[in-house]
């Protein structure tokens, strides 16, 4: 069970994010703070492969389906070699949750605010949000790469781009790409593991090699 910074056990939401879109919209209309747009990354030389990407910002939309229940919202993600920061927003663009992963572990802050901390993002998001966010692998999969350290199977399309990647019991299907500073990056991704389905559409990429 995750605990807050005072060492007290944090109770999960009485109604989890994944329970209904109506609940999610109710939070948005209840006055959650609107998040500022991410600042641009420093400029870098023209990139040619996803392997050269060290940092990225992306904004887009995320949808999940688990055990017959769904969730839909917006997402902003700032990744660097040392940390990941993900904002989950309502469809109206208001802040609902923040996930930060760094050397100290994973922290999830809700709009209440309530703070949860754990070593693993998948277990923490399952506990609080009701579905697993595979952050450890997703930072690579979102670039069209297999994560290092475990076996992966990749099939490619006629252009050499990944079409399907299977790793750590996840199946990742790539359904659209766009060129960003000389790199072909995924725009539409669909991920499945058991009963969980996650769809991610990237509306904007900002990438750097440092």
N, C-alpha and C. Protein backbone atom coordinates (compact mmCIF):
# COMPACT_ATOMS: atom_id res chain seq x y z
N UNK A 1 0.85 -1.20 0.00
CA UNK A 1 0.00 0.00 0.00
C UNK A 1 0.87 1.24 0.00
N UNK A 2 0.59 2.19 -0.82
CA UNK A 2 1.37 3.42 -0.89
C UNK A 2 1.11 4.25 0.36
N UNK A 3 2.10 5.07 0.73
CA UNK A 3 1.97 5.94 1.89
C UNK A 3 2.26 7.35 1.49
N UNK A 4 1.73 8.32 2.27
CA UNK A 4 1.99 9.72 1.98
C UNK A 4 3.27 10.15 2.64
N UNK A 5 3.75 11.39 2.41
CA UNK A 5 5.04 11.80 2.95
C UNK A 5 5.10 11.79 4.47
N UNK A 6 3.97 11.85 5.18
CA UNK A 6 3.96 11.83 6.64
C UNK A 6 3.99 10.43 7.20
N UNK A 7 4.07 9.44 6.32
CA UNK A 7 4.12 8.07 6.78
C UNK A 7 2.76 7.46 7.03
N UNK A 8 1.68 8.18 6.74
CA UNK A 8 0.34 7.68 6.94
C UNK A 8 -0.12 6.93 5.71
N UNK A 9 -0.84 5.86 5.90
CA UNK A 9 -1.34 5.08 4.78
C UNK A 9 -2.40 5.89 4.04
N UNK A 10 -2.25 5.98 2.74
CA UNK A 10 -3.21 6.74 1.93
C UNK A 10 -4.27 5.80 1.39
N UNK A 11 -5.51 6.11 1.66
CA UNK A 11 -6.60 5.27 1.18
C UNK A 11 -6.81 5.51 -0.30
N UNK A 12 -7.07 4.47 -1.10
CA UNK A 12 -7.36 4.66 -2.53
C UNK A 12 -8.64 5.46 -2.69
N UNK A 13 -8.83 6.00 -3.90
CA UNK A 13 -10.07 6.71 -4.21
C UNK A 13 -11.27 5.82 -3.92
N UNK A 14 -12.32 6.39 -3.36
CA UNK A 14 -13.56 5.65 -3.22
C UNK A 14 -14.16 5.36 -4.58
N UNK A 15 -13.92 6.25 -5.53
CA UNK A 15 -14.31 6.02 -6.93
C UNK A 15 -13.08 6.26 -7.78
N UNK A 16 -12.59 5.23 -8.48
CA UNK A 16 -11.34 5.36 -9.21
C UNK A 16 -11.54 6.04 -10.54
N UNK A 17 -10.40 6.49 -11.09
CA UNK A 17 -10.46 7.21 -12.36
C UNK A 17 -11.16 6.39 -13.44
N UNK A 18 -10.89 5.09 -13.43
CA UNK A 18 -11.38 4.28 -14.53
C UNK A 18 -12.86 3.97 -14.43
N UNK A 19 -13.55 4.40 -13.39
CA UNK A 19 -14.94 3.99 -13.19
C UNK A 19 -15.89 4.60 -14.20
N UNK A 20 -15.71 5.88 -14.51
CA UNK A 20 -16.63 6.47 -15.48
C UNK A 20 -16.13 7.79 -15.96
N UNK A 21 -16.45 8.11 -17.20
CA UNK A 21 -16.11 9.41 -17.76
C UNK A 21 -16.91 10.50 -17.08
N UNK A 22 -18.13 10.19 -16.65
CA UNK A 22 -18.95 11.20 -15.98
C UNK A 22 -18.27 11.69 -14.71
N UNK A 23 -17.68 10.78 -13.94
CA UNK A 23 -16.96 11.17 -12.72
C UNK A 23 -15.77 12.06 -13.07
N UNK A 24 -15.08 11.67 -14.15
CA UNK A 24 -13.90 12.43 -14.56
C UNK A 24 -14.28 13.86 -14.94
N UNK A 25 -15.37 14.01 -15.67
CA UNK A 25 -15.83 15.35 -16.04
C UNK A 25 -16.29 16.13 -14.82
N UNK A 26 -16.85 15.44 -13.84
CA UNK A 26 -17.29 16.14 -12.64
C UNK A 26 -16.11 16.74 -11.90
N UNK A 27 -14.99 16.02 -11.88
CA UNK A 27 -13.77 16.58 -11.28
C UNK A 27 -13.33 17.83 -12.01
N UNK A 28 -13.37 17.77 -13.34
CA UNK A 28 -12.92 18.91 -14.13
C UNK A 28 -13.78 20.13 -13.86
N UNK A 29 -15.09 19.94 -13.76
CA UNK A 29 -15.98 21.06 -13.53
C UNK A 29 -15.92 21.54 -12.08
N UNK A 30 -15.28 20.74 -11.21
CA UNK A 30 -15.20 21.11 -9.80
C UNK A 30 -14.08 22.06 -9.49
N UNK A 31 -13.29 22.46 -10.48
CA UNK A 31 -12.32 23.53 -10.25
C UNK A 31 -10.88 23.09 -10.11
N UNK A 32 -10.50 21.93 -10.68
CA UNK A 32 -9.09 21.54 -10.66
C UNK A 32 -8.26 22.58 -11.41
N UNK A 33 -7.04 22.80 -10.96
CA UNK A 33 -6.20 23.83 -11.56
C UNK A 33 -5.79 23.44 -12.96
N UNK A 34 -5.79 24.41 -13.87
CA UNK A 34 -5.32 24.18 -15.23
C UNK A 34 -3.80 24.22 -15.24
N UNK A 35 -3.18 23.22 -15.90
CA UNK A 35 -1.72 23.13 -15.91
C UNK A 35 -1.13 24.00 -17.00
N UNK A 36 0.02 24.64 -16.74
CA UNK A 36 0.66 25.43 -17.78
C UNK A 36 1.26 24.54 -18.85
N UNK A 37 1.41 25.03 -20.09
CA UNK A 37 2.03 24.21 -21.13
C UNK A 37 3.51 23.99 -20.82
N UNK A 38 4.08 22.86 -21.23
CA UNK A 38 5.50 22.60 -20.96
C UNK A 38 6.39 23.56 -21.71
N UNK A 39 7.51 23.90 -21.08
CA UNK A 39 8.48 24.77 -21.74
C UNK A 39 9.20 23.99 -22.82
N UNK A 40 9.66 24.65 -23.91
CA UNK A 40 10.30 23.92 -25.00
C UNK A 40 11.65 23.34 -24.59
N UNK A 41 12.02 22.24 -25.23
CA UNK A 41 13.32 21.64 -24.98
C UNK A 41 14.41 22.48 -25.64
N UNK A 42 15.66 22.37 -25.13
CA UNK A 42 16.75 23.08 -25.79
C UNK A 42 16.95 22.56 -27.20
N UNK A 43 17.36 23.42 -28.10
CA UNK A 43 17.57 23.01 -29.49
C UNK A 43 18.74 22.05 -29.59
N UNK A 44 18.69 21.20 -30.59
CA UNK A 44 19.77 20.23 -30.80
C UNK A 44 19.90 19.98 -32.29
N UNK A 45 20.94 19.25 -32.66
CA UNK A 45 21.18 18.97 -34.07
C UNK A 45 20.06 18.08 -34.63
N UNK A 46 19.96 18.06 -35.95
CA UNK A 46 18.94 17.23 -36.59
C UNK A 46 19.16 15.77 -36.22
N UNK A 47 18.08 15.10 -35.84
CA UNK A 47 18.16 13.71 -35.43
C UNK A 47 17.80 12.81 -36.60
N UNK A 48 18.26 11.56 -36.54
CA UNK A 48 18.00 10.63 -37.62
C UNK A 48 17.37 9.33 -37.16
N UNK A 49 17.53 8.92 -35.90
CA UNK A 49 16.93 7.70 -35.38
C UNK A 49 16.40 7.94 -33.98
N UNK A 50 15.38 7.17 -33.56
CA UNK A 50 14.87 7.31 -32.19
C UNK A 50 15.92 7.04 -31.12
N UNK A 51 16.94 6.22 -31.45
CA UNK A 51 17.98 5.92 -30.48
C UNK A 51 18.73 7.16 -30.03
N UNK A 52 18.74 8.21 -30.83
CA UNK A 52 19.46 9.43 -30.48
C UNK A 52 18.65 10.34 -29.55
N UNK A 53 17.39 10.02 -29.36
CA UNK A 53 16.53 10.88 -28.54
C UNK A 53 16.79 10.60 -27.06
N UNK A 54 17.23 11.61 -26.33
CA UNK A 54 17.48 11.48 -24.89
C UNK A 54 16.37 12.11 -24.06
N UNK A 55 15.75 13.16 -24.57
CA UNK A 55 14.69 13.86 -23.86
C UNK A 55 13.54 14.13 -24.83
N UNK A 56 12.33 14.11 -24.30
CA UNK A 56 11.20 14.48 -25.13
C UNK A 56 10.08 15.06 -24.27
N UNK A 57 9.28 15.89 -24.90
CA UNK A 57 7.99 16.32 -24.37
C UNK A 57 6.96 15.84 -25.38
N UNK A 58 5.84 15.35 -24.89
CA UNK A 58 4.75 15.05 -25.81
C UNK A 58 3.43 15.44 -25.15
N UNK A 59 2.48 15.77 -25.98
CA UNK A 59 1.12 16.00 -25.51
C UNK A 59 0.19 15.22 -26.41
N UNK A 60 -0.87 14.68 -25.82
CA UNK A 60 -1.79 13.88 -26.60
C UNK A 60 -2.98 13.45 -25.79
N UNK A 61 -3.57 12.34 -26.21
CA UNK A 61 -4.78 11.83 -25.59
C UNK A 61 -4.58 10.37 -25.23
N UNK A 62 -5.16 9.97 -24.09
CA UNK A 62 -5.03 8.59 -23.63
C UNK A 62 -6.42 8.04 -23.31
N UNK A 63 -6.62 6.78 -23.69
CA UNK A 63 -7.86 6.09 -23.37
C UNK A 63 -7.54 4.70 -22.88
N UNK A 64 -8.28 4.22 -21.89
CA UNK A 64 -8.06 2.88 -21.36
C UNK A 64 -9.37 2.12 -21.28
N UNK A 65 -9.26 0.81 -21.36
CA UNK A 65 -10.41 -0.07 -21.16
C UNK A 65 -9.93 -1.24 -20.32
N UNK A 66 -10.63 -1.50 -19.20
CA UNK A 66 -10.22 -2.59 -18.31
C UNK A 66 -11.46 -3.17 -17.66
N UNK A 67 -11.65 -4.48 -17.85
CA UNK A 67 -12.77 -5.21 -17.27
C UNK A 67 -14.10 -4.52 -17.59
N UNK A 68 -14.24 -4.09 -18.83
CA UNK A 68 -15.49 -3.52 -19.29
C UNK A 68 -15.72 -2.07 -18.92
N UNK A 69 -14.75 -1.43 -18.27
CA UNK A 69 -14.90 -0.03 -17.88
C UNK A 69 -13.84 0.81 -18.57
N UNK A 70 -14.15 2.08 -18.84
CA UNK A 70 -13.26 2.90 -19.63
C UNK A 70 -12.90 4.21 -18.98
N UNK A 71 -11.82 4.80 -19.49
CA UNK A 71 -11.32 6.10 -19.05
C UNK A 71 -10.81 6.83 -20.29
N UNK A 72 -11.01 8.15 -20.33
CA UNK A 72 -10.48 8.94 -21.43
C UNK A 72 -10.04 10.29 -20.90
N UNK A 73 -8.89 10.76 -21.37
CA UNK A 73 -8.42 12.09 -20.95
C UNK A 73 -7.25 12.54 -21.81
N UNK A 74 -6.64 13.64 -21.40
CA UNK A 74 -5.47 14.18 -22.08
C UNK A 74 -4.22 13.89 -21.26
N UNK A 75 -3.08 13.96 -21.93
CA UNK A 75 -1.83 13.59 -21.28
C UNK A 75 -0.71 14.51 -21.74
N UNK A 76 0.12 14.94 -20.80
CA UNK A 76 1.36 15.64 -21.10
C UNK A 76 2.49 14.91 -20.40
N UNK A 77 3.58 14.69 -21.14
CA UNK A 77 4.67 13.87 -20.61
C UNK A 77 5.98 14.56 -20.92
N UNK A 78 6.78 14.77 -19.87
CA UNK A 78 8.13 15.32 -20.00
C UNK A 78 9.11 14.23 -19.55
N UNK A 79 9.97 13.82 -20.48
CA UNK A 79 10.94 12.76 -20.18
C UNK A 79 12.35 13.30 -20.34
N UNK A 80 13.22 12.98 -19.38
CA UNK A 80 14.65 13.27 -19.47
C UNK A 80 15.39 12.01 -19.01
N UNK A 81 16.70 11.94 -19.20
CA UNK A 81 17.42 10.74 -18.77
C UNK A 81 17.29 10.45 -17.27
N UNK A 82 16.96 11.45 -16.47
CA UNK A 82 16.91 11.25 -15.02
C UNK A 82 15.51 11.19 -14.43
N UNK A 83 14.48 11.56 -15.18
CA UNK A 83 13.15 11.62 -14.59
C UNK A 83 12.06 11.62 -15.66
N UNK A 84 10.88 11.23 -15.23
CA UNK A 84 9.67 11.34 -16.04
C UNK A 84 8.62 12.08 -15.24
N UNK A 85 7.89 12.97 -15.90
CA UNK A 85 6.80 13.69 -15.27
C UNK A 85 5.60 13.65 -16.21
N UNK A 86 4.52 13.06 -15.74
CA UNK A 86 3.32 12.89 -16.54
C UNK A 86 2.16 13.60 -15.87
N UNK A 87 1.46 14.42 -16.63
CA UNK A 87 0.24 15.06 -16.17
C UNK A 87 -0.94 14.41 -16.88
N UNK A 88 -1.92 13.97 -16.12
CA UNK A 88 -3.18 13.49 -16.67
C UNK A 88 -4.21 14.58 -16.47
N UNK A 89 -4.89 14.93 -17.54
CA UNK A 89 -5.84 16.03 -17.51
C UNK A 89 -7.22 15.57 -17.93
N UNK A 90 -8.21 16.36 -17.58
CA UNK A 90 -9.57 16.08 -18.01
C UNK A 90 -9.71 16.38 -19.49
N UNK A 91 -10.77 15.93 -20.14
CA UNK A 91 -11.00 16.30 -21.53
C UNK A 91 -11.11 17.80 -21.73
N UNK A 92 -11.38 18.56 -20.65
CA UNK A 92 -11.46 20.01 -20.75
C UNK A 92 -10.11 20.67 -20.48
N UNK A 93 -9.05 19.86 -20.22
CA UNK A 93 -7.71 20.40 -20.06
C UNK A 93 -7.34 20.80 -18.66
N UNK A 94 -8.08 20.34 -17.65
CA UNK A 94 -7.77 20.69 -16.27
C UNK A 94 -7.04 19.55 -15.58
N UNK A 95 -6.10 19.91 -14.67
CA UNK A 95 -5.25 18.92 -14.03
C UNK A 95 -6.02 17.99 -13.12
N UNK A 96 -5.72 16.69 -13.24
CA UNK A 96 -6.35 15.67 -12.41
C UNK A 96 -5.32 14.89 -11.61
N UNK A 97 -4.19 14.54 -12.22
CA UNK A 97 -3.16 13.78 -11.52
C UNK A 97 -1.80 14.06 -12.13
N UNK A 98 -0.77 13.93 -11.29
CA UNK A 98 0.62 14.09 -11.71
C UNK A 98 1.39 12.86 -11.26
N UNK A 99 2.16 12.28 -12.18
CA UNK A 99 3.01 11.12 -11.88
C UNK A 99 4.45 11.52 -12.13
N UNK A 100 5.31 11.35 -11.13
CA UNK A 100 6.72 11.67 -11.27
C UNK A 100 7.54 10.44 -10.90
N UNK A 101 8.43 10.04 -11.79
CA UNK A 101 9.35 8.94 -11.51
C UNK A 101 10.78 9.45 -11.63
N UNK A 102 11.57 9.23 -10.56
CA UNK A 102 12.97 9.61 -10.57
C UNK A 102 13.74 8.59 -9.73
N UNK A 103 14.95 8.95 -9.31
CA UNK A 103 15.79 8.01 -8.58
C UNK A 103 15.18 7.58 -7.24
N UNK A 104 14.27 8.36 -6.70
CA UNK A 104 13.67 8.04 -5.40
C UNK A 104 12.45 7.13 -5.52
N UNK A 105 11.99 6.87 -6.72
CA UNK A 105 10.81 6.05 -6.91
C UNK A 105 9.75 6.77 -7.70
N UNK A 106 8.50 6.43 -7.45
CA UNK A 106 7.37 7.00 -8.19
C UNK A 106 6.43 7.69 -7.21
N UNK A 107 6.04 8.93 -7.54
CA UNK A 107 5.08 9.68 -6.74
C UNK A 107 3.88 10.04 -7.60
N UNK A 108 2.70 9.79 -7.08
CA UNK A 108 1.46 10.15 -7.78
C UNK A 108 0.69 11.11 -6.89
N UNK A 109 0.38 12.29 -7.42
CA UNK A 109 -0.36 13.31 -6.69
C UNK A 109 -1.71 13.52 -7.36
N UNK A 110 -2.78 13.39 -6.61
CA UNK A 110 -4.12 13.57 -7.14
C UNK A 110 -4.55 15.03 -6.97
N UNK A 111 -5.72 15.35 -7.50
CA UNK A 111 -6.21 16.73 -7.48
C UNK A 111 -6.74 17.14 -6.11
N UNK A 112 -6.81 16.21 -5.15
CA UNK A 112 -7.41 16.56 -3.86
C UNK A 112 -6.67 17.63 -3.05
N UNK A 113 -5.37 17.74 -2.85
CA UNK A 113 -4.37 16.78 -3.34
C UNK A 113 -4.11 15.68 -2.31
N UNK A 114 -3.79 14.51 -2.80
CA UNK A 114 -3.33 13.40 -1.98
C UNK A 114 -2.12 12.80 -2.67
N UNK A 115 -1.09 12.47 -1.90
CA UNK A 115 0.18 12.02 -2.47
C UNK A 115 0.42 10.55 -2.13
N UNK A 116 0.75 9.77 -3.15
CA UNK A 116 1.07 8.36 -3.00
C UNK A 116 2.50 8.14 -3.50
N UNK A 117 3.20 7.21 -2.87
CA UNK A 117 4.59 6.92 -3.28
C UNK A 117 4.81 5.42 -3.30
N UNK A 118 5.54 4.94 -4.31
CA UNK A 118 5.87 3.52 -4.43
C UNK A 118 7.13 3.38 -5.27
N UNK A 119 7.65 2.17 -5.33
CA UNK A 119 8.84 1.91 -6.13
C UNK A 119 8.49 1.65 -7.59
N UNK A 120 7.27 1.21 -7.85
CA UNK A 120 6.89 0.75 -9.19
C UNK A 120 5.67 1.50 -9.69
N UNK A 121 5.76 2.05 -10.91
CA UNK A 121 4.66 2.83 -11.46
C UNK A 121 3.45 1.96 -11.78
N UNK A 122 3.66 0.73 -12.24
CA UNK A 122 2.54 -0.12 -12.61
C UNK A 122 1.67 -0.43 -11.39
N UNK A 123 2.29 -0.83 -10.29
CA UNK A 123 1.52 -1.15 -9.09
C UNK A 123 0.84 0.08 -8.52
N UNK A 124 1.52 1.23 -8.55
CA UNK A 124 0.96 2.44 -7.98
C UNK A 124 -0.24 2.93 -8.78
N UNK A 125 -0.13 2.93 -10.10
CA UNK A 125 -1.26 3.39 -10.91
C UNK A 125 -2.43 2.41 -10.84
N UNK A 126 -2.14 1.13 -10.68
CA UNK A 126 -3.23 0.17 -10.52
C UNK A 126 -3.97 0.44 -9.22
N UNK A 127 -3.24 0.73 -8.17
CA UNK A 127 -3.86 0.98 -6.86
C UNK A 127 -4.71 2.25 -6.86
N UNK A 128 -4.19 3.32 -7.48
CA UNK A 128 -4.86 4.62 -7.37
C UNK A 128 -5.81 4.88 -8.54
N UNK A 129 -5.36 4.56 -9.77
CA UNK A 129 -6.15 4.87 -10.96
C UNK A 129 -7.06 3.74 -11.40
N UNK A 130 -6.70 2.52 -11.00
CA UNK A 130 -7.52 1.39 -11.40
C UNK A 130 -7.05 0.71 -12.67
N UNK A 131 -5.92 1.14 -13.23
CA UNK A 131 -5.32 0.50 -14.41
C UNK A 131 -3.81 0.73 -14.36
N UNK A 132 -3.07 -0.15 -15.02
CA UNK A 132 -1.61 -0.12 -14.95
C UNK A 132 -1.02 0.74 -16.05
N UNK A 133 -0.15 1.67 -15.70
CA UNK A 133 0.61 2.44 -16.67
C UNK A 133 2.03 1.88 -16.69
N UNK A 134 2.44 1.20 -17.76
CA UNK A 134 3.76 0.54 -17.80
C UNK A 134 4.88 1.54 -18.12
N UNK A 135 5.14 2.45 -17.20
CA UNK A 135 6.05 3.56 -17.48
C UNK A 135 7.46 3.10 -17.81
N UNK A 136 7.95 2.06 -17.15
CA UNK A 136 9.32 1.61 -17.38
C UNK A 136 9.55 1.23 -18.83
N UNK A 137 8.59 0.53 -19.43
CA UNK A 137 8.72 0.17 -20.84
C UNK A 137 8.22 1.24 -21.77
N UNK A 138 7.20 1.97 -21.33
CA UNK A 138 6.54 2.94 -22.21
C UNK A 138 7.46 4.05 -22.67
N UNK A 139 8.46 4.41 -21.85
CA UNK A 139 9.38 5.48 -22.27
C UNK A 139 10.17 5.08 -23.51
N UNK A 140 10.31 3.77 -23.76
CA UNK A 140 10.95 3.28 -24.98
C UNK A 140 9.91 2.98 -26.06
N UNK A 141 8.82 2.33 -25.67
CA UNK A 141 7.80 1.93 -26.64
C UNK A 141 7.21 3.12 -27.37
N UNK A 142 7.07 4.25 -26.66
CA UNK A 142 6.48 5.42 -27.29
C UNK A 142 7.35 5.96 -28.42
N UNK A 143 8.64 5.62 -28.41
CA UNK A 143 9.57 6.00 -29.47
C UNK A 143 9.68 4.93 -30.55
N UNK A 144 8.99 3.80 -30.36
CA UNK A 144 9.08 2.69 -31.31
C UNK A 144 10.25 1.78 -31.03
N UNK A 145 10.75 1.77 -29.80
CA UNK A 145 11.91 0.98 -29.42
C UNK A 145 11.53 -0.08 -28.39
N UNK A 146 12.24 -1.21 -28.41
CA UNK A 146 12.11 -2.18 -27.33
C UNK A 146 12.90 -1.70 -26.12
N UNK A 147 12.37 -1.94 -24.93
CA UNK A 147 13.07 -1.56 -23.71
C UNK A 147 14.25 -2.49 -23.49
N UNK A 148 15.38 -1.98 -23.02
CA UNK A 148 16.53 -2.85 -22.77
C UNK A 148 16.28 -3.74 -21.55
N UNK A 149 16.96 -4.89 -21.54
CA UNK A 149 16.93 -5.71 -20.34
C UNK A 149 15.97 -6.89 -20.37
N UNK A 150 15.12 -7.00 -21.40
CA UNK A 150 14.23 -8.16 -21.49
C UNK A 150 13.98 -8.48 -22.96
N UNK A 151 13.59 -9.72 -23.21
CA UNK A 151 13.39 -10.18 -24.58
C UNK A 151 12.20 -9.46 -25.22
N UNK A 152 12.31 -9.21 -26.52
CA UNK A 152 11.24 -8.54 -27.25
C UNK A 152 11.19 -9.09 -28.67
N UNK A 153 9.99 -9.11 -29.24
CA UNK A 153 9.79 -9.51 -30.63
C UNK A 153 9.20 -8.32 -31.37
N UNK A 154 9.81 -7.97 -32.51
CA UNK A 154 9.37 -6.80 -33.26
C UNK A 154 9.09 -7.21 -34.70
N UNK A 155 7.92 -6.85 -35.21
CA UNK A 155 7.62 -6.99 -36.64
C UNK A 155 7.54 -5.60 -37.24
N UNK A 156 7.95 -5.46 -38.50
CA UNK A 156 8.06 -4.15 -39.12
C UNK A 156 7.24 -4.06 -40.40
N UNK A 157 6.88 -2.83 -40.76
CA UNK A 157 6.13 -2.62 -41.99
C UNK A 157 7.08 -2.52 -43.17
N UNK A 158 6.54 -2.25 -44.36
CA UNK A 158 7.35 -2.21 -45.57
C UNK A 158 8.39 -1.10 -45.54
N UNK A 159 8.17 -0.08 -44.70
CA UNK A 159 9.12 1.03 -44.59
C UNK A 159 10.16 0.82 -43.50
N UNK A 160 10.10 -0.33 -42.81
CA UNK A 160 11.05 -0.63 -41.76
C UNK A 160 10.66 -0.08 -40.40
N UNK A 161 9.48 0.52 -40.32
CA UNK A 161 9.01 1.03 -39.04
C UNK A 161 8.36 -0.09 -38.24
N UNK A 162 8.41 -0.02 -36.90
CA UNK A 162 7.77 -1.08 -36.11
C UNK A 162 6.27 -1.11 -36.34
N UNK A 163 5.74 -2.30 -36.54
CA UNK A 163 4.30 -2.48 -36.67
C UNK A 163 3.72 -3.09 -35.40
N UNK A 164 4.45 -4.03 -34.83
CA UNK A 164 4.05 -4.65 -33.56
C UNK A 164 5.27 -4.99 -32.74
N UNK A 165 5.21 -4.73 -31.45
CA UNK A 165 6.28 -5.05 -30.52
C UNK A 165 5.65 -5.81 -29.36
N UNK A 166 6.23 -6.95 -29.01
CA UNK A 166 5.75 -7.75 -27.88
C UNK A 166 6.87 -7.84 -26.86
N UNK A 167 6.59 -7.40 -25.63
CA UNK A 167 7.61 -7.39 -24.59
C UNK A 167 6.94 -7.35 -23.21
N UNK A 168 7.48 -8.13 -22.28
CA UNK A 168 7.01 -8.14 -20.89
C UNK A 168 5.49 -8.34 -20.80
N UNK A 169 4.96 -9.24 -21.63
CA UNK A 169 3.54 -9.59 -21.66
C UNK A 169 2.66 -8.49 -22.24
N UNK A 170 3.27 -7.42 -22.76
CA UNK A 170 2.52 -6.35 -23.43
C UNK A 170 2.64 -6.52 -24.94
N UNK A 171 1.54 -6.28 -25.65
CA UNK A 171 1.54 -6.21 -27.11
C UNK A 171 1.30 -4.77 -27.51
N UNK A 172 2.26 -4.20 -28.24
CA UNK A 172 2.19 -2.80 -28.64
C UNK A 172 2.05 -2.74 -30.16
N UNK A 173 0.94 -2.17 -30.63
CA UNK A 173 0.70 -2.03 -32.06
C UNK A 173 0.82 -0.56 -32.45
N UNK A 174 1.57 -0.30 -33.52
CA UNK A 174 1.80 1.06 -34.01
C UNK A 174 0.91 1.30 -35.22
N UNK A 175 0.05 2.30 -35.13
CA UNK A 175 -0.98 2.50 -36.14
C UNK A 175 -0.83 3.81 -36.90
N UNK A 176 0.22 4.56 -36.62
CA UNK A 176 0.45 5.80 -37.35
C UNK A 176 1.75 6.43 -36.92
N UNK A 177 2.41 7.12 -37.86
CA UNK A 177 3.70 7.76 -37.59
C UNK A 177 3.70 9.18 -38.14
N UNK A 178 4.64 9.99 -37.66
CA UNK A 178 4.87 11.30 -38.24
C UNK A 178 6.36 11.62 -38.18
N UNK A 179 6.83 12.44 -39.11
CA UNK A 179 8.24 12.83 -39.14
C UNK A 179 8.44 14.03 -38.22
N UNK A 180 9.40 13.90 -37.29
CA UNK A 180 9.73 14.97 -36.35
C UNK A 180 11.23 15.18 -36.38
N UNK A 181 11.66 16.30 -36.98
CA UNK A 181 13.09 16.62 -37.08
C UNK A 181 13.91 15.46 -37.62
N UNK A 182 13.42 14.86 -38.68
CA UNK A 182 14.17 13.80 -39.34
C UNK A 182 13.96 12.42 -38.78
N UNK A 183 13.10 12.28 -37.76
CA UNK A 183 12.85 10.98 -37.15
C UNK A 183 11.39 10.61 -37.35
N UNK A 184 11.14 9.35 -37.72
CA UNK A 184 9.78 8.85 -37.83
C UNK A 184 9.34 8.35 -36.46
N UNK A 185 8.39 9.06 -35.85
CA UNK A 185 7.95 8.73 -34.49
C UNK A 185 6.49 8.30 -34.48
N UNK A 186 6.15 7.37 -33.57
CA UNK A 186 4.76 6.92 -33.49
C UNK A 186 3.80 8.06 -33.14
N UNK A 187 2.65 8.03 -33.76
CA UNK A 187 1.60 8.98 -33.44
C UNK A 187 0.40 8.29 -32.80
N UNK A 188 0.12 7.05 -33.23
CA UNK A 188 -0.98 6.29 -32.65
C UNK A 188 -0.45 4.95 -32.17
N UNK A 189 -0.67 4.64 -30.90
CA UNK A 189 -0.17 3.42 -30.30
C UNK A 189 -1.31 2.74 -29.55
N UNK A 190 -1.41 1.45 -29.71
CA UNK A 190 -2.40 0.66 -28.97
C UNK A 190 -1.68 -0.45 -28.23
N UNK A 191 -1.89 -0.53 -26.91
CA UNK A 191 -1.19 -1.50 -26.07
C UNK A 191 -2.19 -2.40 -25.37
N UNK A 192 -1.87 -3.69 -25.29
CA UNK A 192 -2.74 -4.65 -24.62
C UNK A 192 -1.92 -5.56 -23.72
N UNK A 193 -2.53 -5.85 -22.56
CA UNK A 193 -1.98 -6.87 -21.67
C UNK A 193 -3.17 -7.47 -20.91
N UNK A 194 -3.50 -8.70 -21.24
CA UNK A 194 -4.66 -9.31 -20.63
C UNK A 194 -5.92 -8.53 -20.97
N UNK A 195 -6.68 -8.16 -19.94
CA UNK A 195 -7.93 -7.43 -20.13
C UNK A 195 -7.73 -5.92 -20.30
N UNK A 196 -6.51 -5.45 -20.10
CA UNK A 196 -6.24 -4.01 -20.17
C UNK A 196 -5.86 -3.58 -21.58
N UNK A 197 -6.50 -2.53 -22.06
CA UNK A 197 -6.17 -1.93 -23.35
C UNK A 197 -5.93 -0.44 -23.15
N UNK A 198 -4.80 0.05 -23.66
CA UNK A 198 -4.45 1.47 -23.57
C UNK A 198 -4.21 1.99 -24.97
N UNK A 199 -4.86 3.10 -25.30
CA UNK A 199 -4.64 3.76 -26.58
C UNK A 199 -4.04 5.13 -26.34
N UNK A 200 -2.99 5.46 -27.08
CA UNK A 200 -2.31 6.74 -26.95
C UNK A 200 -2.20 7.40 -28.32
N UNK A 201 -2.67 8.62 -28.42
CA UNK A 201 -2.53 9.41 -29.64
C UNK A 201 -1.68 10.63 -29.30
N UNK A 202 -0.55 10.78 -29.98
CA UNK A 202 0.35 11.91 -29.74
C UNK A 202 -0.02 13.03 -30.69
N UNK A 203 -0.40 14.15 -30.15
CA UNK A 203 -0.74 15.30 -30.97
C UNK A 203 0.47 16.19 -31.25
N UNK A 204 1.46 16.16 -30.34
CA UNK A 204 2.64 17.01 -30.54
C UNK A 204 3.86 16.37 -29.90
N UNK A 205 4.95 16.32 -30.66
CA UNK A 205 6.25 15.86 -30.18
C UNK A 205 7.21 17.04 -30.09
N UNK A 206 8.09 17.00 -29.08
CA UNK A 206 9.22 17.92 -28.98
C UNK A 206 10.39 17.10 -28.48
N UNK A 207 11.45 16.96 -29.27
CA UNK A 207 12.52 16.00 -28.95
C UNK A 207 13.89 16.68 -28.96
N UNK A 208 14.83 16.07 -28.24
CA UNK A 208 16.21 16.56 -28.20
C UNK A 208 17.15 15.39 -27.97
N UNK A 209 18.42 15.57 -28.32
CA UNK A 209 19.41 14.51 -28.16
C UNK A 209 20.23 14.69 -26.88
N UNK A 210 19.77 15.52 -25.95
CA UNK A 210 20.48 15.72 -24.69
C UNK A 210 19.51 16.15 -23.60
